[in-house]
C-alpha atoms as a PDB file:
ATOM      1  CA  MET A   1      26.639 -15.566 -21.340  1.00  0.00           C
ATOM      2  CA  ASP A   2      22.460 -15.362 -20.655  1.00  0.00           C
ATOM      3  CA  GLY A   3      22.766 -15.756 -17.131  1.00  0.00           C
ATOM      4  CA  ASN A   4      25.444 -13.068 -17.125  1.00  0.00           C
ATOM      5  CA  LEU A   5      22.623 -11.044 -19.259  1.00  0.00           C
ATOM      6  CA  GLU A   6      19.496 -12.425 -16.520  1.00  0.00           C
ATOM      7  CA  ALA A   7      21.381 -10.797 -14.228  1.00  0.00           C
ATOM      8  CA  THR A   8      22.631  -7.484 -14.850  1.00  0.00           C
ATOM      9  CA  SER A   9      19.402  -6.810 -16.133  1.00  0.00           C
ATOM     10  CA  GLU A  10      17.526  -8.680 -12.831  1.00  0.00           C
ATOM     11  CA  ARG A  11      19.925  -6.643 -11.151  1.00  0.00           C
ATOM     12  CA  ILE A  12      19.503  -2.789 -13.247  1.00  0.00           C
ATOM     13  CA  LEU A  13      15.815  -3.110 -12.325  1.00  0.00           C
ATOM     14  CA  LEU A  14      16.705  -3.267  -9.251  1.00  0.00           C
ATOM     15  CA  GLU A  15      18.512  -0.688  -8.030  1.00  0.00           C
ATOM     16  CA  PRO A  16      16.188   1.658  -7.805  1.00  0.00           C
ATOM     17  CA  TYR A  17      13.689  -0.102  -4.818  1.00  0.00           C
ATOM     18  CA  LYS A  18      17.066  -0.927  -3.340  1.00  0.00           C
ATOM     19  CA  TYR A  19      18.830   2.892  -3.370  1.00  0.00           C
ATOM     20  CA  LEU A  20      14.754   3.957  -1.631  1.00  0.00           C
ATOM     21  CA  LEU A  21      15.307   1.128   1.269  1.00  0.00           C
ATOM     22  CA  GLN A  22      18.778   2.318   2.042  1.00  0.00           C
ATOM     23  CA  LEU A  23      17.103   5.952   2.542  1.00  0.00           C
ATOM     24  CA  PRO A  24      16.411   6.930   6.510  1.00  0.00           C
ATOM     25  CA  GLY A  25      12.759   6.949   7.102  1.00  0.00           C
ATOM     26  CA  LYS A  26      10.253   7.252  10.050  1.00  0.00           C
ATOM     27  CA  GLN A  27       9.858   2.999   9.361  1.00  0.00           C
ATOM     28  CA  VAL A  28       5.998   3.580   9.904  1.00  0.00           C
ATOM     29  CA  ARG A  29       4.783   0.446   8.136  1.00  0.00           C
ATOM     30  CA  THR A  30       7.398  -1.644   9.706  1.00  0.00           C
ATOM     31  CA  LYS A  31       6.852  -0.744  13.365  1.00  0.00           C
ATOM     32  CA  LEU A  32       2.824  -0.642  13.147  1.00  0.00           C
ATOM     33  CA  SER A  33       3.551  -4.564  10.950  1.00  0.00           C
ATOM     34  CA  GLN A  34       5.488  -5.150  14.116  1.00  0.00           C
ATOM     35  CA  ALA A  35       2.917  -3.937  16.380  1.00  0.00           C
ATOM     36  CA  PHE A  36       0.169  -6.085  15.251  1.00  0.00           C
ATOM     37  CA  ASN A  37       2.074  -8.748  14.827  1.00  0.00           C
ATOM     38  CA  HIS A  38       2.679  -8.679  19.150  1.00  0.00           C
ATOM     39  CA  TRP A  39      -1.417  -9.643  19.153  1.00  0.00           C
ATOM     40  CA  LEU A  40      -0.667 -11.786  15.533  1.00  0.00           C
ATOM     41  CA  ASN A  41       2.045 -13.693  16.404  1.00  0.00           C
ATOM     42  CA  VAL A  42       3.182 -14.221  13.063  1.00  0.00           C
ATOM     43  CA  PRO A  43       6.054 -16.558  12.444  1.00  0.00           C
ATOM     44  CA  GLU A  44       9.124 -13.855  12.469  1.00  0.00           C
ATOM     45  CA  ASP A  45      10.017 -15.183   8.385  1.00  0.00           C
ATOM     46  CA  LYS A  46       5.903 -14.355   7.419  1.00  0.00           C
ATOM     47  CA  LEU A  47       6.220 -11.321   9.314  1.00  0.00           C
ATOM     48  CA  GLN A  48       9.548  -9.804   7.456  1.00  0.00           C
ATOM     49  CA  VAL A  49       7.584 -10.984   3.685  1.00  0.00           C
ATOM     50  CA  ILE A  50       4.481  -9.308   4.194  1.00  0.00           C
ATOM     51  CA  ILE A  51       7.328  -6.217   5.500  1.00  0.00           C
ATOM     52  CA  GLN A  52       9.360  -6.638   2.919  1.00  0.00           C
ATOM     53  CA  VAL A  53       5.671  -6.280   0.275  1.00  0.00           C
ATOM     54  CA  THR A  54       4.277  -3.801   1.710  1.00  0.00           C
ATOM     55  CA  GLU A  55       7.621  -0.879   1.436  1.00  0.00           C
ATOM     56  CA  MET A  56       7.082  -2.389  -2.575  1.00  0.00           C
ATOM     57  CA  LEU A  57       4.200  -1.375  -2.919  1.00  0.00           C
ATOM     58  CA  HIS A  58       4.171   1.254  -0.376  1.00  0.00           C
ATOM     59  CA  ASN A  59       6.921   2.629  -2.894  1.00  0.00           C
ATOM     60  CA  ASP A  60       5.652   1.334  -5.827  1.00  0.00           C
ATOM     61  CA  ILE A  61       2.014   2.913  -5.780  1.00  0.00           C
ATOM     62  CA  LYS A  62       3.586   6.210  -4.497  1.00  0.00           C
ATOM     63  CA  ARG A  63       6.162   5.995  -7.471  1.00  0.00           C
ATOM     64  CA  TYR A  64       3.060   5.613  -9.955  1.00  0.00           C
ATOM     65  CA  CYS A  65       0.289   7.591  -8.704  1.00  0.00           C
ATOM     66  CA  VAL A  66       2.461  10.545  -7.985  1.00  0.00           C
ATOM     67  CA  ASP A  67       3.619  10.133 -11.990  1.00  0.00           C
ATOM     68  CA  TYR A  68      -0.307   9.832 -13.172  1.00  0.00           C
ATOM     69  CA  LEU A  69      -1.269  12.539 -11.165  1.00  0.00           C
ATOM     70  CA  GLU A  70       1.211  14.989 -12.790  1.00  0.00           C
ATOM     71  CA  LYS A  71       0.324  13.324 -15.838  1.00  0.00           C
ATOM     72  CA  VAL A  72      -3.054  14.029 -16.102  1.00  0.00           C
ATOM     73  CA  GLY A  73      -3.999  15.496 -12.592  1.00  0.00           C
ATOM     74  CA  SER A  74      -7.004  13.309 -11.581  1.00  0.00           C
ATOM     75  CA  PHE A  75      -7.892  11.768  -7.950  1.00  0.00           C
ATOM     76  CA  ALA A  76      -9.818   8.679 -10.323  1.00  0.00           C
ATOM     77  CA  TYR A  77      -6.833   6.583 -10.317  1.00  0.00           C
ATOM     78  CA  THR A  78      -5.729   7.512  -7.079  1.00  0.00           C
ATOM     79  CA  ARG A  79      -9.052   6.108  -6.033  1.00  0.00           C
ATOM     80  CA  GLN A  80      -8.922   3.038  -8.673  1.00  0.00           C
ATOM     81  CA  THR A  81      -4.914   2.281  -7.117  1.00  0.00           C
ATOM     82  CA  LEU A  82      -6.350   2.097  -3.441  1.00  0.00           C
ATOM     83  CA  ARG A  83      -8.994  -0.443  -4.233  1.00  0.00           C
ATOM     84  CA  ASP A  84      -6.794  -2.537  -5.538  1.00  0.00           C
ATOM     85  CA  LEU A  85      -3.672  -1.960  -3.129  1.00  0.00           C
ATOM     86  CA  GLU A  86      -6.994  -3.457  -0.789  1.00  0.00           C
ATOM     87  CA  ALA A  87      -7.490  -6.787  -3.455  1.00  0.00           C
ATOM     88  CA  GLU A  88      -3.562  -6.853  -2.639  1.00  0.00           C
ATOM     89  CA  VAL A  89      -3.552  -7.034   0.574  1.00  0.00           C
ATOM     90  CA  TYR A  90      -6.408  -9.237   1.171  1.00  0.00           C
ATOM     91  CA  ARG A  91      -4.535 -11.788  -1.162  1.00  0.00           C
ATOM     92  CA  LEU A  92      -1.235 -11.604   0.541  1.00  0.00           C
ATOM     93  CA  ILE A  93      -3.546 -12.526   4.043  1.00  0.00           C
ATOM     94  CA  GLY A  94      -5.040 -15.242   2.642  1.00  0.00           C
ATOM     95  CA  GLU A  95      -2.085 -16.682   1.291  1.00  0.00           C
ATOM     96  CA  PHE A  96       0.022 -16.361   4.849  1.00  0.00           C
ATOM     97  CA  GLY A  97      -2.720 -18.513   6.106  1.00  0.00           C
ATOM     98  CA  GLY A  98      -5.514 -15.646   6.841  1.00  0.00           C
ATOM     99  CA  ASN A  99      -6.546 -13.782  10.146  1.00  0.00           C
ATOM    100  CA  PRO A 100     -10.051 -12.704  10.507  1.00  0.00           C
ATOM    101  CA  GLN A 101      -8.810  -9.874  12.789  1.00  0.00           C
ATOM    102  CA  LEU A 102      -6.026  -8.265  10.160  1.00  0.00           C
ATOM    103  CA  GLU A 103      -8.824  -8.064   7.952  1.00  0.00           C
ATOM    104  CA  SER A 104     -11.654  -6.651  10.524  1.00  0.00           C
ATOM    105  CA  LEU A 105      -8.738  -4.375  10.373  1.00  0.00           C
ATOM    106  CA  VAL A 106      -8.201  -4.083   6.894  1.00  0.00           C
ATOM    107  CA  LYS A 107     -11.867  -3.455   6.516  1.00  0.00           C
ATOM    108  CA  HIS A 108     -12.564  -1.147   9.335  1.00  0.00           C
ATOM    109  CA  LEU A 109      -9.634   1.167   7.663  1.00  0.00           C
ATOM    110  CA  SER A 110     -11.601   1.315   4.302  1.00  0.00           C
ATOM    111  CA  GLN A 111     -14.447   2.018   5.495  1.00  0.00           C
ATOM    112  CA  MET A 112     -13.217   5.079   7.304  1.00  0.00           C
ATOM    113  CA  HIS A 113     -11.244   6.177   4.129  1.00  0.00           C
ATOM    114  CA  ARG A 114     -14.461   5.448   1.997  1.00  0.00           C
ATOM    115  CA  GLU A 115     -15.862   7.783   4.591  1.00  0.00           C
ATOM    116  CA  ALA A 116     -13.689   9.849   4.594  1.00  0.00           C
ATOM    117  CA  GLU A 117     -13.350  10.238   0.892  1.00  0.00           C
ATOM    118  CA  ALA A 118     -17.673  11.176   1.015  1.00  0.00           C
ATOM    119  CA  THR A 119     -17.327  13.996   3.702  1.00  0.00           C
ATOM    120  CA  ALA A 120     -14.575  15.705   1.612  1.00  0.00           C
ATOM    121  CA  GLU A 121     -16.307  14.991  -1.521  1.00  0.00           C
ATOM    122  CA  SER A 122     -19.955  16.214   0.077  1.00  0.00           C
ATOM    123  CA  SER A 123     -18.181  19.481   1.692  1.00  0.00           C
ATOM    124  CA  THR A 124     -16.429  20.578  -2.082  1.00  0.00           C
ATOM    125  CA  GLU A 125     -20.000  20.321  -3.874  1.00  0.00           C
ATOM    126  CA  PRO A 126     -21.737  23.515  -4.758  1.00  0.00           C
ATOM    127  CA  ASP A 127     -24.730  24.294  -2.924  1.00  0.00           C
ATOM    128  CA  SER A 128     -23.883  21.165  -0.513  1.00  0.00           C
ATOM    129  CA  ASN A 129     -24.842  22.592   2.543  1.00  0.00           C
ATOM    130  CA  GLN A 130     -28.551  24.508   1.310  1.00  0.00           C
ATOM    131  CA  ASN A 131     -30.775  21.478   1.203  1.00  0.00           C
ATOM    132  CA  HIS A 132     -30.622  21.123   4.266  1.00  0.00           C
END
């Protein structure tokens, strides 16, 4: 009976995630993963795990960020979530045997995001252009 309860609980917990996977979308993350794999040649089984984890993290983080922003109206949490996600990406890359090119790409994308964020923050500061 305990096994049935566990299976039922797992099914109930996974049902919203499975529903989200069935919704039609542009599949940008999947297509991007497959495009990178053209150069990286990750084994298909590992690529599918990467795609599944990416989709799960994307959906979870998006939902969690929206919920939090609705509650407190703060982007500080979103920034921290993105930093945590970046750390998780590096961990997953390492878990799958490491890939210096992919790590370099993630680093470059993160740097671009930080630069864009800094530019956006500086442009919203009062009198930010008067001292230049």
